[in-house]
Amino acid sequence: METIGGMDLTFEKLNDNPTRAWASLVVIELKTLKPIYKHVVEDIVDFPYIPTFLAFRELPLLLKLYETAKVKPDVYFIDGQGLAHPRGCGIASHFGVETGEVSVGVAKNRLFGYAKDPSSERGSYTYLRYKGKIVGAMVRTKEKTAPVYISVGHRISLKTAIELVLKTSKYRIPEPTRLAHNFLQLVRRKKLKAS
């Protein structure tokens, strides 16, 4: 594995439907953590926000982003859940199955499963479980900082997903998704200012 892509999505008006939305992809080189490619798409999202049905609202725009990107990374980090979802198939899993790509759910908040807090050291983690089954992990990417929630999206083991998240984390959020989010906020501000 040499490249990791982070995908994120934002809306003009989160609670409106339909609303204008943007999705971004930032691809970084694993050995340097430096961005080598950035891409953004814009479209109208018209599926309402319904908790735990995020993929139905956001996936069409992520697929447009994927299809129009000129660089395809080895692994995709997606801001959302994979297996750690009430139906075992969050947006990271949907994306992976639709595209056949390797994907990892990297979320800021717990949606599903139970875990004890990992110790405060960077690199510590505990498993998220539901009915005795491991569905993901709470991973401490930065010392004394809130953990992130990692789950398998598609075609990757949880162990490898945790290793990649830790390898790509300087701050709380791994670089691919952190840079995708920052890039998206710049684009959003420019577009809103221009309209």
Protein backbone atom coordinates (compact mmCIF):
# COMPACT_ATOMS: atom_id res chain seq x y z
CA MET A 1 0.00 0.00 0.00
CA GLU A 2 1.41 3.35 -1.05
CA THR A 3 -1.52 5.77 -1.13
CA ILE A 4 -4.53 6.48 1.08
CA GLY A 5 -7.47 8.65 0.05
CA GLY A 6 -9.71 10.53 2.44
CA MET A 7 -13.30 11.36 1.45
CA ASP A 8 -15.57 13.91 3.07
CA LEU A 9 -18.82 15.63 2.23
CA THR A 10 -20.49 18.88 3.28
CA PHE A 11 -23.79 20.61 2.59
CA GLU A 12 -24.77 24.19 1.87
CA LYS A 13 -27.67 23.84 4.32
CA LEU A 14 -27.54 20.65 6.38
CA ASN A 15 -31.25 20.60 7.28
CA ASP A 16 -32.61 21.61 3.86
CA ASN A 17 -33.73 19.10 1.29
CA PRO A 18 -32.83 19.36 -1.52
CA THR A 19 -29.57 21.23 -0.90
CA ARG A 20 -26.30 21.88 -2.68
CA ALA A 21 -23.45 19.66 -1.49
CA TRP A 22 -19.75 19.13 -2.14
CA ALA A 23 -17.58 16.03 -1.76
CA SER A 24 -13.80 15.97 -1.71
CA LEU A 25 -11.05 13.41 -2.11
CA VAL A 26 -7.49 14.03 -0.93
CA VAL A 27 -4.94 11.33 -1.70
CA ILE A 28 -1.79 11.19 0.40
CA GLU A 29 1.43 9.26 0.00
CA LEU A 30 1.68 6.81 2.92
CA LYS A 31 5.44 7.19 3.47
CA THR A 32 5.42 11.03 3.62
CA LEU A 33 1.76 11.80 4.57
CA LYS A 34 1.89 14.56 1.93
CA PRO A 35 -1.06 15.16 -0.40
CA ILE A 36 -0.46 14.14 -4.02
CA TYR A 37 -3.96 14.70 -5.43
CA LYS A 38 -7.10 16.72 -4.61
CA HIS A 39 -10.49 16.56 -6.25
CA VAL A 40 -13.92 18.00 -5.49
CA VAL A 41 -17.39 17.63 -7.00
CA GLU A 42 -20.62 19.55 -6.46
CA ASP A 43 -24.22 18.43 -6.91
CA ILE A 44 -27.71 18.63 -5.44
CA VAL A 45 -28.54 16.13 -2.68
CA ASP A 46 -32.24 15.39 -2.40
CA PHE A 47 -32.51 12.43 -0.02
CA PRO A 48 -33.55 13.60 3.48
CA TYR A 49 -31.30 13.24 6.50
CA ILE A 50 -32.45 10.12 8.37
CA PRO A 51 -30.20 8.81 11.16
CA THR A 52 -28.43 5.53 10.20
CA PHE A 53 -29.41 5.99 6.52
CA LEU A 54 -26.52 8.33 5.72
CA ALA A 55 -25.37 6.30 2.70
CA PHE A 56 -28.64 6.96 0.89
CA ARG A 57 -28.11 10.72 1.26
CA GLU A 58 -24.34 10.90 0.66
CA LEU A 59 -23.27 7.90 -1.42
CA PRO A 60 -24.42 9.20 -4.86
CA LEU A 61 -22.13 12.22 -4.50
CA LEU A 62 -19.22 10.07 -3.22
CA LEU A 63 -19.67 7.79 -6.25
CA LYS A 64 -19.61 10.82 -8.58
CA LEU A 65 -16.40 11.92 -6.84
CA TYR A 66 -14.90 8.44 -7.26
CA GLU A 67 -15.89 8.14 -10.92
CA THR A 68 -14.45 11.54 -11.89
CA ALA A 69 -11.19 11.26 -9.88
CA LYS A 70 -8.05 10.86 -11.98
CA VAL A 71 -6.11 9.21 -9.13
CA LYS A 72 -7.40 6.12 -7.33
CA PRO A 73 -5.67 5.42 -3.97
CA ASP A 74 -4.98 1.95 -2.62
CA VAL A 75 -7.31 2.50 0.35
CA TYR A 76 -10.19 4.92 0.99
CA PHE A 77 -10.87 6.40 4.45
CA ILE A 78 -14.47 7.56 4.60
CA ASP A 79 -15.88 9.93 7.22
CA GLY A 80 -18.51 7.55 8.61
CA GLN A 81 -19.06 3.96 9.68
CA GLY A 82 -18.40 0.58 8.10
CA LEU A 83 -19.43 -2.55 10.04
CA ALA A 84 -20.03 -0.53 13.24
CA HIS A 85 -23.57 0.21 12.12
CA PRO A 86 -26.97 -1.10 13.30
CA ARG A 87 -27.40 -2.98 10.01
CA GLY A 88 -23.70 -3.89 9.73
CA CYS A 89 -23.29 -1.77 6.60
CA GLY A 90 -22.50 1.92 7.01
CA ILE A 91 -21.44 4.35 4.27
CA ALA A 92 -17.84 3.04 4.16
CA SER A 93 -19.15 -0.47 3.46
CA HIS A 94 -21.67 0.76 0.88
CA PHE A 95 -18.90 2.67 -0.92
CA GLY A 96 -16.54 -0.32 -0.89
CA VAL A 97 -19.16 -2.75 -2.17
CA GLU A 98 -20.33 -0.35 -4.92
CA THR A 99 -16.81 0.36 -6.19
CA GLY A 100 -14.94 -2.83 -5.23
CA GLU A 101 -12.34 -0.64 -3.50
CA VAL A 102 -10.67 -1.15 -0.12
CA SER A 103 -12.45 1.10 2.38
CA VAL A 104 -12.31 1.98 6.08
CA GLY A 105 -14.90 3.79 8.18
CA VAL A 106 -13.26 6.58 10.20
CA ALA A 107 -15.80 8.30 12.45
CA LYS A 108 -15.54 11.00 15.10
CA ASN A 109 -18.46 9.60 17.11
CA ARG A 110 -19.70 6.19 18.15
CA LEU A 111 -22.85 5.08 16.39
CA PHE A 112 -23.02 1.42 17.35
CA GLY A 113 -21.42 -1.07 19.71
CA TYR A 114 -19.91 -0.77 23.16
CA ALA A 115 -16.31 -0.42 24.32
CA LYS A 116 -14.26 0.68 27.30
CA ASP A 117 -12.21 3.80 26.74
CA PRO A 118 -8.67 2.96 25.59
CA SER A 119 -5.79 4.19 27.75
CA SER A 120 -4.65 7.78 27.17
CA GLU A 121 -1.48 6.86 25.20
CA ARG A 122 -1.36 7.30 21.44
CA GLY A 123 -1.83 3.94 19.69
CA SER A 124 -3.99 2.36 22.39
CA TYR A 125 -7.33 0.95 21.34
CA THR A 126 -10.24 -1.15 22.54
CA TYR A 127 -12.68 -3.17 20.48
CA LEU A 128 -16.23 -2.04 19.82
CA ARG A 129 -18.51 -5.02 20.38
CA TYR A 130 -22.13 -5.82 19.86
CA LYS A 131 -23.66 -9.08 21.16
CA GLY A 132 -20.17 -10.49 21.64
CA LYS A 133 -19.07 -9.71 18.07
CA ILE A 134 -16.28 -7.23 17.30
CA VAL A 135 -17.67 -4.51 15.00
CA GLY A 136 -14.86 -1.95 15.18
CA ALA A 137 -12.41 -0.23 17.49
CA MET A 138 -11.99 2.95 19.52
CA VAL A 139 -8.50 4.15 18.61
CA ARG A 140 -6.44 6.81 20.40
CA THR A 141 -4.63 8.58 17.56
CA LYS A 142 -3.18 11.32 19.76
CA GLU A 143 -2.24 11.25 23.43
CA LYS A 144 -4.92 12.50 25.83
CA THR A 145 -7.29 13.25 22.93
CA ALA A 146 -10.70 11.76 22.26
CA PRO A 147 -10.49 8.50 20.28
CA VAL A 148 -11.79 7.93 16.76
CA TYR A 149 -14.05 5.03 15.78
CA ILE A 150 -12.64 2.70 13.16
CA SER A 151 -14.52 -0.05 11.39
CA VAL A 152 -14.01 -2.26 8.39
CA GLY A 153 -15.62 -0.92 5.25
CA HIS A 154 -14.67 -3.44 2.56
CA ARG A 155 -11.77 -5.81 1.70
CA ILE A 156 -9.57 -5.01 4.72
CA SER A 157 -9.04 -6.48 8.19
CA LEU A 158 -9.71 -4.42 11.31
CA LYS A 159 -6.07 -4.94 12.36
CA THR A 160 -4.78 -3.43 9.08
CA ALA A 161 -7.34 -0.62 9.25
CA ILE A 162 -6.15 0.34 12.77
CA GLU A 163 -2.49 0.19 11.67
CA LEU A 164 -3.17 2.46 8.67
CA VAL A 165 -5.14 4.94 10.77
CA LEU A 166 -2.27 5.16 13.27
CA LYS A 167 0.36 5.45 10.50
CA THR A 168 -1.52 8.39 8.97
CA SER A 169 -2.41 10.28 12.17
CA LYS A 170 -0.53 13.37 13.31
CA TYR A 171 -3.59 14.83 15.02
CA ARG A 172 -6.84 13.26 16.22
CA ILE A 173 -8.24 12.78 12.71
CA PRO A 174 -6.06 10.81 10.24
CA GLU A 175 -4.42 12.98 7.58
CA PRO A 176 -6.45 11.72 4.58
CA THR A 177 -9.83 12.62 6.09
CA ARG A 178 -8.51 15.69 7.95
CA LEU A 179 -7.08 17.16 4.74
CA ALA A 180 -10.23 16.24 2.77
CA HIS A 181 -12.33 18.05 5.38
CA ASN A 182 -10.09 21.16 5.38
CA PHE A 183 -10.03 21.29 1.56
CA LEU A 184 -13.81 20.95 1.48
CA GLN A 185 -14.31 23.84 3.92
CA LEU A 186 -12.18 26.12 1.70
CA VAL A 187 -14.15 25.13 -1.39
CA ARG A 188 -17.48 25.59 0.40
CA ARG A 189 -16.55 29.07 1.64
CA LYS A 190 -15.45 30.17 -1.85
CA LYS A 191 -18.61 28.81 -3.50
CA LEU A 192 -20.94 30.40 -0.95
CA LYS A 193 -19.11 33.73 -1.23
CA ALA A 194 -19.45 33.61 -5.02
CA SER A 195 -23.18 32.82 -4.99
